[in-house]
Protein backbone atom coordinates (compact mmCIF):
# COMPACT_ATOMS: atom_id res chain seq x y z
CA MET A 1 0.00 0.00 0.00
CA THR A 2 1.26 3.48 -0.89
CA GLN A 3 2.04 5.79 2.01
CA PRO A 4 0.41 9.23 2.11
CA SER A 5 2.59 12.11 0.86
CA GLU A 6 3.72 14.99 3.05
CA ALA A 7 0.53 16.83 2.09
CA GLY A 8 -1.47 13.90 3.42
CA ARG A 9 -2.40 12.60 -0.03
CA ASP A 10 -1.92 9.12 -1.39
CA PRO A 11 0.14 9.54 -4.61
CA GLU A 12 -1.35 6.37 -6.08
CA ALA A 13 -4.91 7.62 -5.48
CA VAL A 14 -3.99 10.98 -7.02
CA SER A 15 -2.52 9.23 -10.06
CA LYS A 16 -5.65 7.11 -10.46
CA PHE A 17 -7.83 10.21 -10.30
CA VAL A 18 -5.65 12.06 -12.84
CA GLU A 19 -5.78 9.16 -15.30
CA ALA A 20 -9.53 8.58 -14.82
CA PHE A 21 -10.44 12.24 -15.30
CA ALA A 22 -8.03 12.55 -18.23
CA ALA A 23 -9.69 9.53 -19.88
CA GLN A 24 -13.07 11.24 -19.58
CA LEU A 25 -11.67 14.45 -21.09
CA VAL A 26 -10.26 12.40 -23.98
CA GLU A 27 -13.68 10.80 -24.52
CA ALA A 28 -15.09 14.34 -24.74
CA GLY A 29 -12.57 15.21 -27.48
CA MET A 30 -9.50 16.63 -25.73
CA GLN A 31 -6.02 15.52 -26.81
CA ARG A 32 -4.74 12.73 -24.55
CA MET A 33 -1.58 14.38 -23.25
CA ALA A 34 -3.31 17.74 -22.79
CA ALA A 35 -6.00 15.97 -20.77
CA ARG A 36 -3.41 14.31 -18.54
CA VAL A 37 -1.51 17.57 -17.97
CA PHE A 38 -4.71 19.47 -17.21
CA ALA A 39 -5.93 16.82 -14.77
CA ALA A 40 -2.54 16.75 -13.02
CA LEU A 41 -2.53 20.54 -12.63
CA LEU A 42 -6.12 20.55 -11.43
CA ALA A 43 -5.33 17.91 -8.79
CA SER A 44 -2.10 19.54 -7.58
CA ASP A 45 -2.21 21.41 -4.27
CA ALA A 46 -0.57 24.51 -5.75
CA GLY A 47 -2.48 24.41 -9.02
CA ALA A 48 0.87 24.97 -10.73
CA MET A 49 3.78 22.76 -11.75
CA THR A 50 6.92 22.98 -13.85
CA SER A 51 7.45 20.92 -16.95
CA ALA A 52 9.88 18.70 -15.00
CA GLU A 53 7.33 18.13 -12.22
CA LEU A 54 4.61 17.27 -14.71
CA GLY A 55 6.95 14.97 -16.63
CA GLU A 56 7.94 13.17 -13.43
CA GLN A 57 4.36 12.74 -12.26
CA LEU A 58 3.02 11.63 -15.63
CA GLN A 59 6.17 9.68 -16.63
CA VAL A 60 6.49 11.48 -19.99
CA SER A 61 9.09 13.56 -21.83
CA PRO A 62 9.42 17.35 -21.61
CA ALA A 63 8.48 17.53 -25.31
CA ALA A 64 5.14 15.84 -24.59
CA ILE A 65 4.47 18.34 -21.79
CA SER A 66 5.41 21.28 -24.03
CA GLY A 67 2.95 20.34 -26.76
CA ALA A 68 0.17 19.73 -24.25
CA VAL A 69 0.76 23.04 -22.47
CA ARG A 70 0.80 24.90 -25.79
CA TYR A 71 -2.65 23.51 -26.60
CA LEU A 72 -4.03 24.16 -23.10
CA ALA A 73 -2.78 27.76 -23.18
CA GLN A 74 -4.41 28.33 -26.58
CA VAL A 75 -7.80 27.23 -25.22
CA HIS A 76 -7.29 29.30 -22.04
CA MET A 77 -7.24 26.35 -19.66
CA VAL A 78 -3.74 27.03 -18.28
CA SER A 79 -1.38 29.97 -18.14
CA ARG A 80 2.40 30.20 -18.10
CA GLU A 81 4.32 32.10 -15.46
CA ARG A 82 8.00 32.52 -14.73
CA GLU A 83 9.43 31.41 -11.42
CA PRO A 84 10.99 34.47 -9.75
CA GLY A 85 14.74 34.54 -10.37
CA SER A 86 14.59 31.61 -12.78
CA ARG A 87 14.11 30.93 -16.47
CA ARG A 88 11.86 28.00 -15.66
CA GLU A 89 8.18 28.33 -16.38
CA ARG A 90 5.38 27.07 -14.21
CA TYR A 91 2.06 26.14 -15.71
CA ARG A 92 -0.98 27.17 -13.70
CA VAL A 93 -4.61 26.20 -13.78
CA HIS A 94 -6.91 28.87 -12.36
CA SER A 95 -10.10 28.44 -10.40
CA ASP A 96 -12.02 30.02 -13.28
CA GLN A 97 -10.50 27.79 -15.99
CA TRP A 98 -13.88 26.39 -17.03
CA TYR A 99 -15.34 29.88 -17.34
CA GLU A 100 -12.38 30.99 -19.45
CA ALA A 101 -12.55 27.91 -21.66
CA MET A 102 -16.28 28.30 -22.18
CA THR A 103 -15.94 32.02 -22.93
CA ASN A 104 -13.45 31.06 -25.62
CA ARG A 105 -16.02 28.62 -27.01
CA ASP A 106 -18.52 31.48 -27.25
CA ALA A 107 -16.22 33.22 -29.75
CA ILE A 108 -16.02 30.00 -31.75
CA LEU A 109 -19.82 29.77 -31.80
CA ARG A 110 -20.05 33.30 -33.25
CA ARG A 111 -17.60 32.39 -36.03
CA TRP A 112 -19.60 29.24 -36.82
CA GLU A 113 -22.79 31.29 -36.96
CA ALA A 114 -21.28 33.65 -39.54
CA THR A 115 -20.19 30.73 -41.70
CA LEU A 116 -23.56 29.01 -41.34
CA ARG A 117 -25.36 32.22 -42.40
CA GLU A 118 -23.22 32.24 -45.54
CA GLY A 119 -24.13 28.57 -46.07
CA VAL A 120 -27.86 29.32 -45.85
CA ASP A 121 -27.43 32.18 -48.32
CA SER A 122 -25.33 30.03 -50.67
CA LEU A 123 -27.60 27.00 -50.64
CA GLY A 124 -30.91 28.82 -50.38
CA ALA A 125 -33.09 28.71 -47.28
CA GLU A 126 -35.75 26.64 -49.05
CA THR A 127 -33.49 23.80 -50.17
CA PRO A 128 -33.18 20.68 -47.98
CA GLY A 129 -29.49 21.43 -47.29
CA GLY A 130 -30.24 25.09 -46.65
CA ARG A 131 -32.97 24.16 -44.14
CA ARG A 132 -30.60 21.81 -42.28
CA ILE A 133 -27.97 24.51 -42.13
CA ALA A 134 -30.58 27.08 -41.03
CA GLU A 135 -31.66 24.76 -38.21
CA THR A 136 -28.01 24.30 -37.16
CA LEU A 137 -27.58 28.09 -37.24
CA ALA A 138 -30.72 28.55 -35.11
CA PHE A 139 -29.34 26.04 -32.58
CA PHE A 140 -26.03 27.90 -32.25
CA GLU A 141 -27.81 31.27 -32.03
CA PHE A 142 -29.95 29.84 -29.24
CA LEU A 143 -26.86 28.55 -27.42
CA GLU A 144 -25.12 31.90 -27.73
CA GLY A 145 -28.19 33.72 -26.39
CA GLU A 146 -28.42 31.43 -23.38
CA PHE A 147 -24.70 31.23 -22.81
CA GLY A 148 -24.24 34.72 -21.39
CA LYS A 149 -27.11 34.20 -18.94
CA LEU A 150 -25.72 30.83 -17.89
CA LEU A 151 -22.23 32.21 -17.26
CA GLU A 152 -23.65 35.09 -15.20
CA ARG A 153 -25.64 32.61 -13.10
CA TRP A 154 -22.44 30.57 -12.65
CA ARG A 155 -20.49 33.62 -11.43
CA GLU A 156 -23.21 34.34 -8.85
CA HIS A 157 -23.37 30.69 -7.74
CA ARG A 158 -19.57 30.44 -7.55
CA GLU A 159 -19.34 33.54 -5.38
CA GLN A 160 -22.10 32.29 -3.05
CA THR A 161 -20.50 28.86 -2.79
CA PHE A 162 -16.79 29.69 -2.68
CA GLY A 163 -16.64 33.41 -1.90
CA PRO A 164 -15.27 36.29 -3.96
């Protein structure tokens, strides 16, 4: 049986959680290594780790960590920060990472809507393909309209539950 770490956590249990949550993120469409890095950061006490620390925990190369972090930073799920007095970077997950990631998705929805509008115009709203595209457009417009309200409700709930 694995002994608890200094922080009182069982490293084996943490590893099992990281791999289980990462597997679920992969099933939802995230890249495998990015999912593992994100889950490891999320589970860490500090919410931040260096590339070397992530590589050691996940038993992977620095190159694998670098590619995963690049992707996670692009989708606003982690940020990079320099360690004071060092050239090493730490990668941090923030408590509002889901909000940031979803806000980024909102911008993607708007771009899809613009392209779908062009598709309806190109195909004709009365054609079978044009109607399918118009219905897809209406779905994304509905999501975008509800999204802002949902995120505002989340901010209120988060503050009530966890404080400012």
